[in-house]
C-alpha cells in the first residue's frame, strides 16, 4: 500500500486528511478499503452486527461522538471482523482489550481505550455520512490509513 503521505503528495485536494490523532491499536498499522459507517453513542450493537457481515476488505468507520466513557469494540467483535474479511476499523471513541487487538490481523485506530462495556441495544445509524476530525466519511469512499494518519477520497 502506498503511504498516506505519498497519496496526499500525489492526489492533493482530492483527499481529506483526518486531523484527529488516533492511536494504532490493531495488529496492522497500514490498511485501506471502501468506507462503511456506523453512528452510535455508548452502544455497540450496530458495530457488532455490521462487523459480523462480509466485509470484503472494507473499513468500518464508527462515529461514537468521541466518547471515551465506554468501549465500542473489543476483542470478540474484532475477531468477528477478521473472520468476516474486514480490513480495519476507525473508531471515534474508545475500544478495549488492547493487548488482544494488537495481535489480530486487523487495522484498528481509536481515540483511546476504556474497559467499560457499552450498551447493546442497537441504537444508532448504519451507512450514513458521518463527520469528525475535519473529514466527511461517505459510504463507498476509499480510505487509507497508516502510521501517519487517515486520508479519505472526497
Protein backbone atom coordinates (compact mmCIF):
# COMPACT_ATOMS: atom_id res chain seq x y z
CA UNK A 1 0.00 0.00 0.00
CA UNK A 2 1.24 3.49 -0.85
CA UNK A 3 1.81 5.68 2.24
CA UNK A 4 -0.75 8.31 3.17
CA UNK A 5 1.93 10.99 2.81
CA UNK A 6 2.68 9.87 -0.76
CA UNK A 7 -1.04 9.72 -1.55
CA UNK A 8 -1.51 13.30 -0.32
CA UNK A 9 1.50 14.42 -2.38
CA UNK A 10 0.06 12.71 -5.44
CA UNK A 11 -3.67 13.45 -5.09
CA UNK A 12 -3.68 16.70 -3.07
CA UNK A 13 -7.14 18.21 -2.69
CA UNK A 14 -8.84 15.04 -3.92
CA UNK A 15 -8.21 13.69 -0.41
CA UNK A 16 -9.43 14.71 3.02
CA UNK A 17 -6.98 14.24 5.90
CA UNK A 18 -8.25 13.38 9.38
CA UNK A 19 -6.93 15.95 11.86
CA UNK A 20 -7.52 13.78 14.95
CA UNK A 21 -4.54 11.97 16.42
CA UNK A 22 -5.89 8.42 16.69
CA UNK A 23 -3.93 5.60 18.32
CA UNK A 24 -2.98 2.47 16.39
CA UNK A 25 -4.29 -0.43 18.46
CA UNK A 26 -4.75 -3.23 15.90
CA UNK A 27 -2.23 -5.74 14.64
CA UNK A 28 -1.97 -3.86 11.34
CA UNK A 29 -0.97 -0.21 11.19
CA UNK A 30 -1.45 0.06 7.41
CA UNK A 31 -4.85 -0.72 5.92
CA UNK A 32 -7.22 0.56 3.28
CA UNK A 33 -10.62 -0.13 1.79
CA UNK A 34 -14.01 1.31 0.95
CA UNK A 35 -15.81 3.02 3.83
CA UNK A 36 -18.83 1.65 5.68
CA UNK A 37 -20.17 3.64 8.64
CA UNK A 38 -21.94 3.31 11.97
CA UNK A 39 -23.06 6.26 14.08
CA UNK A 40 -23.68 5.33 17.72
CA UNK A 41 -23.18 6.66 21.24
CA UNK A 42 -22.10 4.29 24.01
CA UNK A 43 -23.93 1.42 22.25
CA UNK A 44 -22.02 -1.09 20.13
CA UNK A 45 -24.96 -3.24 19.00
CA UNK A 46 -24.73 -1.98 15.41
CA UNK A 47 -20.92 -2.24 15.37
CA UNK A 48 -21.18 -5.91 16.34
CA UNK A 49 -23.95 -6.53 13.80
CA UNK A 50 -22.14 -4.89 10.86
CA UNK A 51 -18.76 -6.49 11.57
CA UNK A 52 -20.45 -9.92 11.58
CA UNK A 53 -21.34 -9.46 7.89
CA UNK A 54 -18.99 -9.98 4.91
CA UNK A 55 -16.53 -7.07 4.95
CA UNK A 56 -14.93 -7.78 1.58
CA UNK A 57 -11.92 -5.63 2.53
CA UNK A 58 -13.93 -2.63 3.74
CA UNK A 59 -13.10 -0.30 6.63
CA UNK A 60 -15.80 0.40 9.22
CA UNK A 61 -15.78 4.00 10.44
CA UNK A 62 -17.53 4.25 13.81
CA UNK A 63 -18.63 7.70 14.96
CA UNK A 64 -19.04 7.30 18.70
CA UNK A 65 -19.25 11.06 19.28
CA UNK A 66 -15.69 10.99 20.62
CA UNK A 67 -16.89 9.45 23.89
CA UNK A 68 -14.29 7.61 25.95
CA UNK A 69 -16.88 6.59 28.59
CA UNK A 70 -17.28 3.02 27.26
CA UNK A 71 -15.74 0.80 24.59
CA UNK A 72 -17.40 0.42 21.20
CA UNK A 73 -15.29 -2.60 20.20
CA UNK A 74 -13.31 -5.28 21.98
CA UNK A 75 -11.50 -8.49 21.11
CA UNK A 76 -14.57 -10.60 20.33
CA UNK A 77 -16.09 -8.10 17.89
CA UNK A 78 -12.66 -7.50 16.32
CA UNK A 79 -12.13 -11.27 15.90
CA UNK A 80 -15.50 -11.41 14.14
CA UNK A 81 -14.35 -8.60 11.83
CA UNK A 82 -11.22 -10.59 10.93
CA UNK A 83 -13.29 -13.74 10.32
CA UNK A 84 -15.62 -11.80 8.01
CA UNK A 85 -12.90 -10.15 5.91
CA UNK A 86 -12.82 -6.55 7.15
CA UNK A 87 -9.60 -4.58 6.54
CA UNK A 88 -9.95 -2.25 9.50
CA UNK A 89 -11.99 -0.18 11.92
CA UNK A 90 -11.61 3.53 12.69
CA UNK A 91 -13.30 4.43 15.99
CA UNK A 92 -14.12 7.99 17.03
CA UNK A 93 -14.36 6.72 20.59
CA UNK A 94 -12.91 4.00 22.80
CA UNK A 95 -12.04 0.33 22.37
CA UNK A 96 -11.00 -2.29 24.93
CA UNK A 97 -8.88 -5.45 25.06
CA UNK A 98 -5.92 -3.60 23.55
CA UNK A 99 -3.46 -6.47 24.06
CA UNK A 100 -5.71 -8.87 22.14
CA UNK A 101 -6.47 -6.28 19.42
CA UNK A 102 -2.75 -5.74 18.94
CA UNK A 103 -2.17 -9.29 17.71
CA UNK A 104 -5.18 -9.56 15.38
CA UNK A 105 -4.58 -9.08 11.62
CA UNK A 106 -6.88 -6.05 11.59
CA UNK A 107 -6.23 -2.34 11.33
CA UNK A 108 -7.73 -0.52 14.32
CA UNK A 109 -7.43 3.18 15.08
CA UNK A 110 -9.24 4.69 18.06
CA UNK A 111 -9.16 7.73 20.34
CA UNK A 112 -8.28 5.56 23.33
CA UNK A 113 -9.47 2.71 25.49
CA UNK A 114 -11.79 2.00 28.38
CA UNK A 115 -12.54 -1.44 29.88
CA UNK A 116 -16.20 -0.46 30.44
CA UNK A 117 -18.72 -2.25 28.19
CA UNK A 118 -21.19 -0.24 26.16
CA UNK A 119 -24.93 -0.79 25.79
CA UNK A 120 -26.05 -3.40 23.25
CA UNK A 121 -29.44 -2.02 22.21
CA UNK A 122 -28.51 -1.36 18.58
CA UNK A 123 -29.26 2.36 18.78
CA UNK A 124 -27.71 4.40 16.01
CA UNK A 125 -27.43 4.50 12.24
CA UNK A 126 -25.67 2.40 9.57
CA UNK A 127 -24.18 3.69 6.30
CA UNK A 128 -24.97 7.36 6.85
CA UNK A 129 -22.40 10.06 6.13
CA UNK A 130 -20.54 10.68 9.39
CA UNK A 131 -18.16 13.56 10.05
CA UNK A 132 -15.44 14.13 12.63
CA UNK A 133 -11.88 15.42 12.65
CA UNK A 134 -12.50 17.61 9.60
CA UNK A 135 -13.47 14.66 7.38
CA UNK A 136 -16.85 13.56 5.99
CA UNK A 137 -16.84 9.77 5.67
CA UNK A 138 -19.17 8.68 2.85
CA UNK A 139 -20.06 5.01 2.47
CA UNK A 140 -18.14 3.66 -0.53
CA UNK A 141 -15.39 6.32 -0.47
CA UNK A 142 -11.86 4.90 -0.36
CA UNK A 143 -9.94 5.23 2.93
CA UNK A 144 -6.22 4.71 3.53
CA UNK A 145 -4.63 4.55 6.99
CA UNK A 146 -1.07 4.15 8.20
CA UNK A 147 1.30 5.38 10.92
CA UNK A 148 0.89 8.99 9.70
CA UNK A 149 -2.89 9.07 9.84
CA UNK A 150 -6.06 8.61 7.82
CA UNK A 151 -6.96 10.01 4.40
CA UNK A 152 -10.23 9.62 2.53
CA UNK A 153 -11.25 10.50 -1.00
CA UNK A 154 -13.66 13.42 -1.29
